Amino acid sequence: MPTSITPTTRRSILRELEILLHALCLYGAIGIAAFGWAVCRLLDWSVKPWVPLWFCSALLIYNADRLRSDPADNLNIPHRAAASRRWRGLSRAVLVLAAAFLVVWPIVSRDWLTLGLIIAGAVVSLNYSIPLLGFRWKDVPLLKTFFAPTIVTASILGLPWFHLGPAVELGSLFLIALRAWTFLMFNMILCDLRDRAGDQACGTRSLPVALGERGTRWLLLALLIVIEVLAISAYTIAPLRHHSTWLVMCFLGPIYLGALLFAVRRPQPERFYEWAVEGMLFLPAVAVLLGMLL
């Protein structure tokens, strides 16, 4: 007779799957794709061609970054660094599959513009942790904090913009783009605040290293206010079909982000950042889905 799985074994299996989910950057990549989906919905762009490209782009960049050893990671995120080393072979396979999809998809579709944008974006993005251009963006003072939010915002807006052009008035486009960037900046600054000690020890000058812990917390509070003001402004000029979504975001955003800001007053485990902080990326998609029901 088959042996039943004990509760201890079940918990071990679930924990191993959780480690794998984050070690291969699947959760973060899904979050980026969900974030892009929500932004495109609010900008009245078609999302079908772009979501898998955003997902695979995130897998490529995240796994490439994890495969390159960084002494700061052993100080900042020791459990995730150990998991990345353990699953290095599978991480390489995910990276190769993601890269292959990013090249094959536009070739099969004969979409040479997308292929060019992907190649250019990959070179710029990979240079964050791999010195393809002779240096790393991560080593440029303060750029570590600004790089990821800027490149993600550009990729989410760039692909549909170059193919479809603006589908909403420029005022709405500007507000939504700016809120997306500040929202991602909040996420990145929280992560860099966690990484401050390791970055400082390894000579990486992020924004939290430059501002110090107290200054960074005040910046996060100011950024939270800016994010909410932008959401309210977008609500006032949004077409009626998007009012429910923006209303949800006006309430959901400050509650979730405020809870994160309150929580990081004390040291939090890596799982908090893996699930709760990265979970920020799903908030706009949740708001869009709830807006459809209201």
Protein backbone atom coordinates (compact mmCIF):
# COMPACT_ATOMS: atom_id res chain seq x y z
CA MET A 1 0.00 0.00 0.00
CA PRO A 2 1.27 3.53 -0.75
CA THR A 3 2.69 5.36 2.24
CA SER A 4 0.78 8.50 3.17
CA ILE A 5 2.66 11.78 3.32
CA THR A 6 3.13 12.98 6.87
CA PRO A 7 2.42 16.62 7.81
CA THR A 8 6.15 17.15 8.39
CA THR A 9 6.99 15.84 4.92
CA ARG A 10 4.24 17.94 3.35
CA ARG A 11 5.59 21.07 5.03
CA SER A 12 9.09 20.21 3.82
CA ILE A 13 7.87 19.79 0.25
CA LEU A 14 5.95 23.07 0.35
CA ARG A 15 8.95 24.87 1.81
CA GLU A 16 11.18 23.44 -0.92
CA LEU A 17 8.75 24.62 -3.59
CA GLU A 18 8.67 28.06 -1.99
CA ILE A 19 12.48 28.23 -2.03
CA LEU A 20 12.52 27.16 -5.68
CA LEU A 21 9.87 29.74 -6.60
CA HIS A 22 12.08 32.55 -5.32
CA ALA A 23 15.46 31.05 -6.22
CA LEU A 24 14.40 30.92 -9.88
CA CYS A 25 12.79 34.38 -9.62
CA LEU A 26 9.42 33.06 -10.80
CA TYR A 27 7.40 35.03 -8.25
CA GLY A 28 9.10 38.32 -9.12
CA ALA A 29 8.77 37.70 -12.87
CA ILE A 30 5.05 36.97 -12.52
CA GLY A 31 4.76 40.18 -10.50
CA ILE A 32 6.44 42.22 -13.25
CA ALA A 33 4.12 40.70 -15.87
CA ALA A 34 1.05 41.38 -13.70
CA PHE A 35 2.21 44.95 -13.10
CA GLY A 36 2.67 45.54 -16.83
CA TRP A 37 -0.74 43.99 -17.57
CA ALA A 38 -2.43 46.41 -15.17
CA VAL A 39 -0.60 49.47 -16.52
CA CYS A 40 -1.55 48.57 -20.10
CA ARG A 41 -5.19 48.10 -19.09
CA LEU A 42 -5.24 51.58 -17.56
CA LEU A 43 -3.63 53.02 -20.70
CA ASP A 44 -6.08 51.17 -23.00
CA TRP A 45 -3.30 49.24 -24.72
CA SER A 46 -3.60 45.64 -25.84
CA VAL A 47 -1.71 43.36 -23.43
CA LYS A 48 -1.63 40.07 -25.36
CA PRO A 49 1.70 40.42 -27.17
CA TRP A 50 3.64 41.91 -24.26
CA VAL A 51 2.90 39.94 -21.08
CA PRO A 52 4.99 36.85 -21.97
CA LEU A 53 7.83 39.12 -23.11
CA TRP A 54 7.85 40.99 -19.80
CA PHE A 55 7.74 37.70 -17.91
CA CYS A 56 10.66 36.18 -19.82
CA SER A 57 12.65 39.43 -19.70
CA ALA A 58 12.34 39.46 -15.91
CA LEU A 59 13.38 35.79 -15.72
CA LEU A 60 16.42 36.50 -17.88
CA ILE A 61 17.61 39.55 -15.95
CA TYR A 62 16.85 38.25 -12.46
CA ASN A 63 18.49 34.86 -13.02
CA ALA A 64 21.53 36.43 -14.68
CA ASP A 65 21.93 38.67 -11.63
CA ARG A 66 21.58 35.73 -9.21
CA LEU A 67 24.09 33.59 -11.13
CA ARG A 68 26.79 36.22 -10.68
CA SER A 69 28.26 35.99 -7.19
CA ASP A 70 28.02 39.22 -5.20
CA PRO A 71 29.63 39.40 -1.72
CA ALA A 72 26.88 41.79 -0.58
CA ASP A 73 24.23 39.10 -1.13
CA ASN A 74 25.87 36.84 1.45
CA LEU A 75 25.37 39.63 4.00
CA ASN A 76 22.01 40.99 2.88
CA ILE A 77 20.11 37.89 1.76
CA PRO A 78 22.11 34.83 2.90
CA HIS A 79 19.23 32.33 2.57
CA ARG A 80 18.34 33.41 -0.96
CA ALA A 81 22.03 33.49 -1.94
CA ALA A 82 22.45 29.92 -0.66
CA ALA A 83 19.31 28.79 -2.52
CA SER A 84 20.56 30.41 -5.73
CA ARG A 85 23.85 28.53 -5.45
CA ARG A 86 22.00 25.31 -4.77
CA TRP A 87 19.74 25.67 -7.81
CA ARG A 88 22.37 27.22 -10.08
CA GLY A 89 21.98 24.58 -12.80
CA LEU A 90 18.21 24.97 -13.01
CA SER A 91 18.59 28.74 -12.91
CA ARG A 92 20.87 28.56 -15.95
CA ALA A 93 18.27 26.44 -17.75
CA VAL A 94 15.52 28.98 -16.96
CA LEU A 95 17.77 31.79 -18.20
CA VAL A 96 18.48 30.00 -21.49
CA LEU A 97 14.81 29.17 -22.08
CA ALA A 98 13.77 32.76 -21.35
CA ALA A 99 16.46 34.13 -23.69
CA ALA A 100 15.44 31.69 -26.43
CA PHE A 101 11.79 32.74 -26.16
CA LEU A 102 12.70 36.43 -26.30
CA VAL A 103 14.59 35.88 -29.55
CA VAL A 104 12.38 33.26 -31.22
CA TRP A 105 9.02 34.98 -30.55
CA PRO A 106 9.71 38.18 -32.56
CA ILE A 107 11.56 36.24 -35.30
CA VAL A 108 8.60 33.91 -35.82
CA SER A 109 6.26 36.93 -35.71
CA ARG A 110 8.60 38.86 -38.05
CA ASP A 111 8.49 41.69 -35.54
CA TRP A 112 11.93 43.17 -36.09
CA LEU A 113 11.20 46.28 -34.03
CA THR A 114 10.48 44.14 -30.95
CA LEU A 115 13.59 42.06 -31.59
CA GLY A 116 15.74 45.19 -31.75
CA LEU A 117 14.19 46.61 -28.58
CA ILE A 118 14.69 43.31 -26.75
CA ILE A 119 18.36 43.04 -27.74
CA ALA A 120 19.09 46.64 -26.79
CA GLY A 121 17.16 46.32 -23.54
CA ALA A 122 18.92 43.06 -22.67
CA VAL A 123 22.38 44.59 -23.12
CA VAL A 124 21.49 47.60 -20.98
CA SER A 125 19.77 45.50 -18.30
CA LEU A 126 22.40 42.76 -18.06
CA ASN A 127 25.07 45.44 -17.67
CA TYR A 128 23.52 46.11 -14.25
CA SER A 129 25.41 43.16 -12.75
CA ILE A 130 27.61 41.94 -15.65
CA PRO A 131 30.17 44.44 -17.06
CA LEU A 132 29.21 44.00 -20.72
CA LEU A 133 30.08 47.65 -21.39
CA GLY A 134 33.25 47.57 -19.30
CA PHE A 135 31.54 48.58 -16.05
CA ARG A 136 28.43 47.73 -14.03
CA TRP A 137 25.49 50.09 -13.52
CA LYS A 138 25.34 48.75 -9.96
CA ASP A 139 28.75 50.29 -9.24
CA VAL A 140 27.73 53.80 -10.34
CA PRO A 141 26.96 55.82 -7.17
CA LEU A 142 23.19 55.98 -6.43
CA LEU A 143 22.26 54.37 -9.78
CA LYS A 144 21.63 50.99 -8.12
CA THR A 145 18.41 52.34 -6.61
CA PHE A 146 17.18 54.17 -9.71
CA PHE A 147 18.07 51.59 -12.35
CA ALA A 148 15.47 48.82 -11.87
CA PRO A 149 12.39 51.09 -11.51
CA THR A 150 13.44 53.06 -14.57
CA ILE A 151 14.20 50.07 -16.80
CA VAL A 152 10.99 48.24 -15.79
CA THR A 153 8.85 51.32 -16.42
CA ALA A 154 10.56 51.89 -19.76
CA SER A 155 10.04 48.28 -20.87
CA ILE A 156 6.38 48.25 -19.85
CA LEU A 157 5.64 51.51 -21.66
CA GLY A 158 8.15 51.19 -24.49
CA LEU A 159 6.94 48.08 -26.30
CA PRO A 160 3.28 49.14 -26.67
CA TRP A 161 4.23 52.78 -27.26
CA PHE A 162 6.51 52.02 -30.23
CA HIS A 163 3.96 49.65 -31.75
CA LEU A 164 0.62 51.28 -30.95
CA GLY A 165 1.30 54.88 -30.00
CA PRO A 166 -0.58 56.56 -27.12
CA ALA A 167 -4.16 55.37 -26.64
CA VAL A 168 -5.03 57.98 -24.01
CA GLU A 169 -4.41 61.70 -23.68
CA LEU A 170 -0.86 62.69 -22.77
CA GLY A 171 -1.90 63.95 -19.31
CA SER A 172 -3.17 60.51 -18.31
CA LEU A 173 -0.15 58.83 -19.86
CA PHE A 174 2.23 61.05 -17.90
CA LEU A 175 0.43 60.55 -14.57
CA ILE A 176 0.18 56.78 -14.93
CA ALA A 177 3.81 56.48 -16.05
CA LEU A 178 5.01 58.65 -13.17
CA ARG A 179 2.94 56.72 -10.63
CA ALA A 180 4.28 53.43 -12.00
CA TRP A 181 7.85 54.69 -11.62
CA THR A 182 7.38 56.06 -8.09
CA PHE A 183 5.56 52.86 -7.08
CA LEU A 184 8.52 50.78 -8.29
CA MET A 185 10.92 53.20 -6.60
CA PHE A 186 9.15 52.59 -3.28
CA ASN A 187 9.67 48.86 -3.79
CA MET A 188 13.34 49.27 -4.69
CA ILE A 189 14.14 51.63 -1.83
CA LEU A 190 12.61 49.20 0.66
CA CYS A 191 14.88 46.45 -0.71
CA ASP A 192 17.93 48.72 -0.69
CA LEU A 193 17.12 49.75 2.88
CA ARG A 194 17.27 46.07 3.81
CA ASP A 195 20.57 45.75 1.90
CA ARG A 196 22.15 48.90 3.34
CA ALA A 197 24.65 47.19 5.64
CA GLY A 198 25.91 44.77 2.99
CA ASP A 199 26.05 47.42 0.27
CA GLN A 200 27.98 49.76 2.55
CA ALA A 201 30.44 47.02 3.49
CA CYS A 202 31.04 46.15 -0.17
CA GLY A 203 31.32 49.74 -1.38
CA THR A 204 28.00 49.87 -3.27
CA ARG A 205 26.59 53.38 -2.82
CA SER A 206 22.81 52.98 -3.04
CA LEU A 207 20.40 55.76 -2.10
CA PRO A 208 19.80 54.35 1.42
CA VAL A 209 23.59 54.15 1.95
CA ALA A 210 23.86 57.83 1.00
CA LEU A 211 20.83 59.01 3.03
CA GLY A 212 21.21 56.74 6.05
CA GLU A 213 18.38 54.80 7.64
CA ARG A 214 16.51 57.78 9.06
CA GLY A 215 16.73 59.80 5.85
CA THR A 216 15.58 56.81 3.81
CA ARG A 217 12.50 56.32 5.99
CA TRP A 218 11.52 59.96 5.54
CA LEU A 219 12.03 59.59 1.79
CA LEU A 220 9.75 56.52 1.74
CA LEU A 221 7.07 58.44 3.62
CA ALA A 222 7.33 61.34 1.15
CA LEU A 223 7.21 58.90 -1.74
CA LEU A 224 4.09 57.26 -0.30
CA ILE A 225 2.38 60.66 -0.23
CA VAL A 226 3.45 61.36 -3.84
CA ILE A 227 2.13 57.96 -4.97
CA GLU A 228 -1.24 58.67 -3.38
CA VAL A 229 -1.45 62.20 -4.82
CA LEU A 230 -0.71 60.80 -8.28
CA ALA A 231 -3.40 58.14 -7.86
CA ILE A 232 -5.99 60.75 -6.84
CA SER A 233 -4.94 62.98 -9.76
CA ALA A 234 -5.23 60.06 -12.19
CA TYR A 235 -8.69 59.30 -10.82
CA THR A 236 -9.88 62.86 -11.46
CA ILE A 237 -8.93 62.78 -15.15
CA ALA A 238 -9.49 59.10 -15.92
CA PRO A 239 -12.37 58.06 -18.16
CA LEU A 240 -15.42 56.70 -16.37
CA ARG A 241 -14.55 53.07 -17.23
CA HIS A 242 -11.39 53.34 -15.09
CA HIS A 243 -12.86 55.21 -12.13
CA SER A 244 -13.52 52.07 -10.07
CA THR A 245 -9.96 50.82 -10.57
CA TRP A 246 -8.41 54.12 -9.51
CA LEU A 247 -10.76 54.33 -6.54
CA VAL A 248 -9.57 50.91 -5.37
CA MET A 249 -5.96 51.96 -5.83
CA CYS A 250 -6.52 55.18 -3.88
CA PHE A 251 -7.58 53.05 -0.89
CA LEU A 252 -5.51 49.91 -1.36
CA GLY A 253 -2.19 51.63 -2.13
CA PRO A 254 -1.66 53.64 1.07
CA ILE A 255 -2.94 50.79 3.25
CA TYR A 256 -0.55 48.19 1.80
CA LEU A 257 2.45 50.47 1.35
CA GLY A 258 1.87 52.09 4.72
CA ALA A 259 1.80 48.65 6.35
CA LEU A 260 5.13 47.79 4.69
CA LEU A 261 6.67 51.04 5.84
CA PHE A 262 5.43 50.43 9.38
CA ALA A 263 6.73 46.84 9.37
CA VAL A 264 10.28 47.68 8.30
CA ARG A 265 10.79 49.83 11.38
CA ARG A 266 12.11 46.56 12.77
CA PRO A 267 14.29 43.97 11.01
CA GLN A 268 12.21 41.56 8.95
CA PRO A 269 13.13 38.08 7.67
CA GLU A 270 13.93 37.46 4.05
CA ARG A 271 10.53 35.85 3.51
CA PHE A 272 8.86 39.16 4.34
CA TYR A 273 10.66 40.84 1.43
CA GLU A 274 10.19 37.83 -0.86
CA TRP A 275 6.43 37.72 -0.36
CA ALA A 276 5.14 41.02 1.04
CA VAL A 277 7.48 43.57 -0.56
CA GLU A 278 7.57 41.82 -3.95
CA GLY A 279 3.82 41.35 -3.54
CA MET A 280 3.47 45.09 -4.13
CA LEU A 281 3.81 44.36 -7.83
CA PHE A 282 0.45 42.58 -7.84
CA LEU A 283 -1.51 45.47 -6.29
CA PRO A 284 -2.35 47.29 -9.57
CA ALA A 285 -3.58 44.03 -11.13
CA VAL A 286 -5.72 43.35 -8.06
CA ALA A 287 -7.15 46.87 -8.35
CA VAL A 288 -7.95 46.37 -12.05
CA LEU A 289 -9.71 43.07 -11.33
CA LEU A 290 -11.68 44.55 -8.44
CA GLY A 291 -12.53 47.57 -10.59
CA MET A 292 -14.10 45.24 -13.15
CA LEU A 293 -16.41 43.88 -10.46
CA LEU A 294 -17.51 47.24 -9.06
